[in-house]
Protein backbone atom coordinates (compact mmCIF):
# COMPACT_ATOMS: atom_id res chain seq x y z
CA MET A 1 -108.93 -74.56 -132.15
CA LEU A 2 -110.87 -76.65 -134.65
CA ASP A 3 -114.65 -76.20 -134.45
CA GLN A 4 -115.47 -77.88 -137.77
CA PRO A 5 -113.95 -81.36 -137.57
CA ASP A 6 -114.57 -84.14 -140.05
CA VAL A 7 -116.10 -86.24 -137.26
CA LEU A 8 -117.73 -84.88 -134.12
CA ILE A 9 -118.54 -87.45 -131.43
CA LEU A 10 -120.74 -86.77 -128.43
CA GLY A 11 -119.81 -89.29 -125.74
CA GLY A 12 -116.43 -90.78 -124.90
CA GLY A 13 -117.47 -94.26 -123.80
CA SER A 14 -116.46 -97.52 -125.45
CA GLY A 15 -118.57 -96.78 -128.54
CA GLY A 16 -117.47 -93.17 -128.84
CA TYR A 17 -113.72 -93.64 -128.47
CA ALA A 18 -113.69 -96.71 -130.75
CA CYS A 19 -115.39 -94.61 -133.42
CA ALA A 20 -112.89 -91.81 -132.81
CA PHE A 21 -109.91 -94.14 -133.21
CA ARG A 22 -111.19 -95.58 -136.48
CA ALA A 23 -112.01 -92.17 -137.91
CA ALA A 24 -108.53 -90.91 -137.00
CA GLN A 25 -106.96 -94.00 -138.60
CA LEU A 26 -108.82 -93.10 -141.80
CA GLY A 27 -107.25 -89.64 -141.74
CA LYS A 28 -110.22 -87.72 -140.37
CA SER A 29 -109.99 -84.86 -137.89
CA VAL A 30 -111.91 -85.80 -134.73
CA ILE A 31 -113.36 -83.97 -131.75
CA LEU A 32 -114.64 -86.09 -128.88
CA ILE A 33 -116.92 -84.48 -126.28
CA GLU A 34 -117.08 -86.10 -122.84
CA GLU A 35 -118.41 -84.63 -119.60
CA ASP A 36 -116.54 -87.12 -117.37
CA LYS A 37 -113.61 -89.41 -118.20
CA VAL A 38 -112.95 -91.00 -121.57
CA GLY A 39 -113.84 -94.66 -121.19
CA GLY A 40 -117.34 -94.00 -119.92
CA THR A 41 -119.45 -96.32 -117.83
CA CYS A 42 -117.79 -99.51 -119.09
CA LEU A 43 -114.30 -98.59 -117.94
CA HIS A 44 -115.03 -96.56 -114.82
CA ARG A 45 -118.33 -97.75 -113.33
CA GLY A 46 -119.38 -100.84 -115.28
CA CYS A 47 -117.78 -103.77 -117.04
CA ILE A 48 -114.15 -103.37 -115.99
CA PRO A 49 -114.43 -102.66 -112.23
CA THR A 50 -117.28 -105.15 -111.90
CA LYS A 51 -115.28 -107.90 -113.57
CA ALA A 52 -112.32 -107.09 -111.33
CA LEU A 53 -114.57 -107.67 -108.31
CA VAL A 54 -115.91 -110.87 -109.88
CA HIS A 55 -112.34 -112.09 -110.34
CA ALA A 56 -111.49 -111.32 -106.71
CA ALA A 57 -114.59 -113.28 -105.64
CA GLU A 58 -113.53 -116.19 -107.85
CA VAL A 59 -110.09 -116.20 -106.21
CA ALA A 60 -111.72 -116.32 -102.77
CA ASP A 61 -113.99 -119.18 -103.87
CA THR A 62 -111.03 -121.06 -105.35
CA VAL A 63 -109.12 -120.77 -102.07
CA MET A 64 -112.17 -122.05 -100.18
CA HIS A 65 -112.36 -125.07 -102.47
CA ALA A 66 -108.59 -125.62 -102.73
CA SER A 67 -108.81 -129.02 -101.03
CA SER A 68 -110.74 -130.36 -104.03
CA PHE A 69 -107.57 -129.75 -106.07
CA GLY A 70 -105.38 -131.45 -103.50
CA ILE A 71 -104.06 -128.13 -102.21
CA GLY A 72 -104.08 -127.14 -98.58
CA ALA A 73 -105.22 -123.53 -98.18
CA THR A 74 -107.51 -121.55 -95.91
CA LEU A 75 -109.36 -118.30 -96.43
CA ASP A 76 -108.62 -116.12 -93.42
CA GLY A 77 -110.90 -113.30 -94.51
CA ILE A 78 -111.56 -110.69 -97.15
CA ASP A 79 -109.88 -107.29 -96.99
CA LEU A 80 -112.44 -105.25 -98.90
CA GLY A 81 -110.16 -102.22 -98.91
CA GLY A 82 -107.51 -104.33 -100.61
CA VAL A 83 -110.06 -105.67 -103.07
CA HIS A 84 -111.07 -102.12 -104.00
CA ALA A 85 -107.39 -101.16 -104.36
CA TYR A 86 -106.93 -104.08 -106.79
CA LYS A 87 -110.06 -103.05 -108.73
CA ASN A 88 -108.97 -99.40 -108.89
CA SER A 89 -105.49 -100.36 -110.10
CA ILE A 90 -107.00 -102.26 -113.03
CA VAL A 91 -109.21 -99.32 -113.99
CA GLU A 92 -106.38 -96.79 -113.65
CA ARG A 93 -103.97 -98.87 -115.74
CA LEU A 94 -106.48 -99.24 -118.56
CA TYR A 95 -107.43 -95.56 -118.33
CA LYS A 96 -103.81 -94.46 -118.69
CA GLY A 97 -103.47 -96.72 -121.72
CA LEU A 98 -106.64 -95.27 -123.23
CA GLN A 99 -105.40 -91.70 -122.68
CA GLY A 100 -102.20 -92.62 -124.51
CA LEU A 101 -104.18 -93.95 -127.46
CA VAL A 102 -106.25 -90.76 -127.60
CA ARG A 103 -103.05 -88.68 -127.75
CA SER A 104 -101.38 -90.91 -130.33
CA HIS A 105 -104.43 -90.64 -132.60
CA GLU A 106 -104.34 -86.83 -132.21
CA ILE A 107 -107.96 -86.68 -131.09
CA GLU A 108 -109.12 -83.47 -129.44
CA VAL A 109 -111.09 -84.20 -126.28
CA VAL A 110 -113.46 -81.46 -125.13
CA HIS A 111 -114.47 -81.89 -121.50
CA GLY A 112 -117.97 -80.66 -120.77
CA THR A 113 -121.63 -81.44 -121.19
CA GLY A 114 -122.55 -81.40 -124.85
CA ARG A 115 -126.02 -80.34 -125.93
CA TYR A 116 -127.35 -81.26 -129.33
CA GLY A 117 -128.04 -78.16 -131.38
CA GLY A 118 -129.69 -79.71 -134.41
CA GLY A 119 -128.17 -80.88 -137.66
CA ARG A 120 -124.57 -81.85 -137.00
CA THR A 121 -123.96 -79.27 -134.27
CA VAL A 122 -123.24 -79.67 -130.57
CA HIS A 123 -122.91 -76.87 -128.00
CA VAL A 124 -120.46 -77.41 -125.15
CA GLY A 125 -119.62 -74.55 -122.81
CA ASP A 126 -119.04 -71.45 -124.89
CA ARG A 127 -118.15 -73.46 -128.01
CA THR A 128 -120.38 -74.41 -130.90
CA ILE A 129 -118.93 -77.30 -132.85
CA THR A 130 -120.27 -78.56 -136.17
CA GLY A 131 -118.91 -81.72 -137.69
CA THR A 132 -119.06 -82.94 -141.25
CA SER A 133 -120.40 -86.05 -139.55
CA LEU A 134 -121.93 -86.27 -136.07
CA VAL A 135 -121.96 -89.43 -133.97
CA LEU A 136 -124.18 -89.58 -130.89
CA ALA A 137 -122.66 -92.06 -128.43
CA THR A 138 -124.12 -90.80 -125.17
CA GLY A 139 -124.08 -94.20 -123.47
CA SER A 140 -126.08 -95.28 -120.45
CA GLN A 141 -126.95 -94.24 -116.92
CA VAL A 142 -127.96 -96.08 -113.78
CA ARG A 143 -131.61 -97.07 -113.77
CA THR A 144 -133.79 -97.05 -110.71
CA LEU A 145 -137.44 -97.77 -109.94
CA PRO A 146 -140.29 -95.27 -109.55
CA GLY A 147 -140.70 -94.25 -105.93
CA LEU A 148 -137.36 -95.77 -104.90
CA GLU A 149 -135.04 -93.24 -103.25
CA ILE A 150 -131.34 -94.03 -103.57
CA GLY A 151 -129.43 -93.74 -100.29
CA GLY A 152 -128.67 -95.61 -97.09
CA ARG A 153 -129.37 -99.30 -97.60
CA ILE A 154 -130.53 -98.82 -101.20
CA LEU A 155 -127.66 -98.58 -103.66
CA THR A 156 -127.17 -98.39 -107.39
CA SER A 157 -124.38 -100.29 -109.09
CA ASP A 158 -122.25 -97.11 -108.83
CA GLU A 159 -122.33 -97.10 -105.01
CA ALA A 160 -121.99 -100.88 -104.85
CA LEU A 161 -118.62 -100.63 -106.59
CA THR A 162 -117.22 -98.61 -103.68
CA PHE A 163 -119.17 -100.12 -100.77
CA PRO A 164 -116.78 -100.10 -97.77
CA GLU A 165 -117.86 -103.40 -96.18
CA LEU A 166 -119.56 -106.67 -96.99
CA PRO A 167 -123.23 -106.38 -95.97
CA LYS A 168 -124.96 -109.15 -94.04
CA ARG A 169 -127.62 -109.70 -96.70
CA VAL A 170 -128.07 -108.40 -100.26
CA VAL A 171 -130.89 -108.30 -102.77
CA VAL A 172 -129.75 -107.56 -106.34
CA LEU A 173 -132.33 -106.34 -108.86
CA GLY A 174 -130.91 -107.34 -112.24
CA GLY A 175 -127.18 -107.07 -112.92
CA VAL A 176 -125.59 -110.47 -113.56
CA SER A 177 -122.01 -109.28 -113.02
CA SER A 178 -122.88 -107.45 -109.82
CA ALA A 179 -124.68 -110.50 -108.49
CA SER A 180 -121.64 -112.66 -109.24
CA SER A 181 -119.12 -110.47 -107.44
CA SER A 182 -119.81 -111.82 -103.94
CA PRO A 183 -117.75 -114.89 -102.97
CA ALA A 184 -119.31 -117.94 -101.37
CA SER A 185 -117.92 -116.75 -98.05
CA GLY A 186 -119.68 -113.40 -98.42
CA PRO A 187 -123.24 -112.36 -97.64
CA PRO A 188 -126.27 -114.42 -98.66
CA TRP A 189 -128.00 -112.78 -101.58
CA ALA A 190 -130.98 -113.13 -103.88
CA GLN A 191 -131.02 -111.96 -107.47
CA THR A 192 -134.24 -110.92 -109.20
CA SER A 193 -134.88 -110.28 -112.90
CA ARG A 194 -137.71 -110.26 -115.40
CA SER A 195 -136.57 -113.59 -116.80
CA SER A 196 -135.95 -116.86 -115.00
CA LYS A 197 -132.81 -117.26 -117.13
CA ARG A 198 -129.50 -115.51 -116.64
CA CYS A 199 -127.76 -113.88 -119.60
CA PRO A 200 -126.67 -116.37 -122.33
CA GLY A 201 -123.15 -117.61 -121.73
CA SER A 202 -122.98 -116.47 -118.11
CA SER A 203 -121.95 -118.95 -115.45
CA PRO A 204 -124.38 -119.79 -112.66
CA PRO A 205 -123.26 -118.79 -109.16
CA ARG A 206 -121.71 -121.35 -106.82
CA THR A 207 -124.35 -123.17 -104.85
CA SER A 208 -122.51 -122.93 -101.54
CA GLY A 209 -124.22 -120.39 -99.29
CA PRO A 210 -127.89 -119.39 -99.13
CA ARG A 211 -128.39 -117.79 -102.52
CA SER A 212 -131.20 -117.73 -105.04
CA ASN A 213 -131.96 -116.46 -108.51
CA SER A 214 -135.63 -115.59 -108.79
CA PRO A 215 -137.71 -113.87 -111.47
CA GLY A 216 -139.08 -110.43 -110.73
CA HIS A 217 -138.60 -106.81 -111.74
CA SER A 218 -135.27 -105.91 -113.32
CA ALA A 219 -133.35 -102.82 -112.26
CA SER A 220 -129.79 -101.96 -111.33
CA GLY A 221 -129.22 -101.73 -107.62
CA ALA A 222 -128.65 -103.54 -104.34
CA SER A 223 -130.26 -103.39 -100.95
CA PRO A 224 -128.13 -104.69 -98.07
CA SER A 225 -129.77 -105.03 -94.70
């Protein structure tokens, strides 16, 4: 068991595993420490599942507007369980591919919570690992607001990704992708952010349905009611 690798990486998200792959390609021994699944927020609770939901919403919107393309089609409803199954299949397929890349690059993955020990050392479980180089790639976590208790009608983006039904109304604080994942046939929603502008390059939501995009305080979360 190697406890003095050339490169020690704390965090197995998109930054951490990309660094690990490149170091391995350059002939370095690599240990990657991750307390959850390699892939991090982006693959499991962020970019990938959110974009899968956005795509499903776009398909629903396209069906609703099919007549504008000269195609006869009707939207009979949205099976949210089926949508989640589609989303999960995308994540699982990419995760399996990522696991294969980790194995092929001969990267040792240590599962556990790493604690920085100073210098180039990280403690994880009963192991103390010191790398010739140390990369801190600890990633992100869901942000909330002071005095706001998560639960019930108040969700973070994590809970929103597995919400079992379409709520009647939604308020989204920040989160462009999350705010775009509801089709025009879904609940009316309002999005708030610090800026009156959405992220550069992002598409504005369809105008069908009572929706708004108003400036306010930015934070990840949703509040259906």
